């Protein structure tokens, strides 16, 4: 069952949030950002962003201790870490 929730509606709440990682993949129309929750650093958002429109295409919340596992998974899938803070 597909959700009708719009992932881009979360963009405003994360404007001033700390960007932890920026990942890119050769020839991919998307960028992946790991963004720390501005209210609670225990949570990290993983947002897939369309390069042309800068719109959030998908949006996932994970806990901080799982960030390394998610990064490792993305790197194994061909993503490159472009920026870390």
Protein backbone atom coordinates (compact mmCIF):
# COMPACT_ATOMS: atom_id res chain seq x y z
CA UNK A 1 0.00 0.00 0.00
CA UNK A 2 1.51 3.30 -1.11
CA UNK A 3 1.40 6.28 1.25
CA UNK A 4 0.10 9.63 0.08
CA UNK A 5 2.41 11.53 2.45
CA UNK A 6 4.55 14.17 0.74
CA UNK A 7 8.17 13.84 1.90
CA UNK A 8 8.92 17.41 0.82
CA UNK A 9 6.67 18.82 3.55
CA UNK A 10 9.50 18.15 6.04
CA UNK A 11 11.89 20.53 4.25
CA UNK A 12 10.85 23.67 6.19
CA UNK A 13 11.45 22.09 9.59
CA UNK A 14 15.00 21.14 8.60
CA UNK A 15 16.20 24.44 7.10
CA UNK A 16 18.65 25.22 9.92
CA UNK A 17 19.45 21.62 10.82
CA UNK A 18 22.99 20.25 10.75
CA UNK A 19 23.83 18.34 7.56
CA UNK A 20 25.95 15.36 8.60
CA UNK A 21 26.66 13.75 5.23
CA UNK A 22 26.03 14.49 1.57
CA UNK A 23 26.20 11.52 -0.80
CA UNK A 24 26.27 11.51 -4.58
CA UNK A 25 26.29 8.77 -7.16
CA UNK A 26 27.61 9.07 -10.70
CA UNK A 27 24.75 9.65 -13.16
CA UNK A 28 22.11 9.53 -10.42
CA UNK A 29 19.30 12.09 -10.56
CA UNK A 30 19.34 12.18 -6.74
CA UNK A 31 21.49 13.28 -3.82
CA UNK A 32 21.21 11.69 -0.37
CA UNK A 33 21.56 13.84 2.76
CA UNK A 34 21.87 12.71 6.37
CA UNK A 35 20.37 15.53 8.46
CA UNK A 36 20.41 15.74 12.25
CA UNK A 37 17.05 16.41 13.89
CA UNK A 38 17.18 20.03 15.12
CA UNK A 39 15.21 19.14 18.28
CA UNK A 40 16.87 15.85 19.25
CA UNK A 41 20.32 14.72 18.05
CA UNK A 42 19.32 11.10 18.75
CA UNK A 43 17.40 11.14 15.44
CA UNK A 44 18.82 11.54 11.95
CA UNK A 45 16.82 12.01 8.77
CA UNK A 46 17.91 10.41 5.51
CA UNK A 47 16.48 12.39 2.62
CA UNK A 48 16.72 11.51 -1.07
CA UNK A 49 16.62 14.79 -2.97
CA UNK A 50 15.95 15.26 -6.68
CA UNK A 51 18.93 17.15 -8.15
CA UNK A 52 16.94 19.23 -10.64
CA UNK A 53 14.09 20.37 -8.38
CA UNK A 54 15.77 20.07 -4.92
CA UNK A 55 12.54 18.40 -3.76
CA UNK A 56 12.58 15.62 -1.15
CA UNK A 57 11.66 12.43 -3.01
CA UNK A 58 11.86 10.15 0.04
CA UNK A 59 12.41 10.69 3.72
CA UNK A 60 13.40 8.27 6.49
CA UNK A 61 14.14 8.76 10.18
CA UNK A 62 16.84 6.62 11.80
CA UNK A 63 18.58 6.73 15.17
CA UNK A 64 22.09 8.20 15.44
CA UNK A 65 23.76 4.91 16.33
CA UNK A 66 22.59 3.42 12.99
CA UNK A 67 24.10 6.15 10.80
CA UNK A 68 27.34 4.24 10.14
CA UNK A 69 25.39 1.15 9.01
CA UNK A 70 23.26 3.23 6.63
CA UNK A 71 26.34 5.02 5.27
CA UNK A 72 28.13 1.73 4.72
CA UNK A 73 25.11 0.35 2.87
CA UNK A 74 24.92 3.39 0.60
CA UNK A 75 28.67 3.27 -0.14
CA UNK A 76 28.39 -0.43 -1.06
CA UNK A 77 25.59 0.56 -3.45
CA UNK A 78 27.90 2.99 -5.26
CA UNK A 79 27.26 6.26 -3.42
CA UNK A 80 30.22 8.53 -2.61
CA UNK A 81 30.43 10.68 0.50
CA UNK A 82 30.98 14.21 -0.80
CA UNK A 83 30.74 16.23 2.40
CA UNK A 84 30.84 15.56 6.10
CA UNK A 85 30.50 18.04 8.92
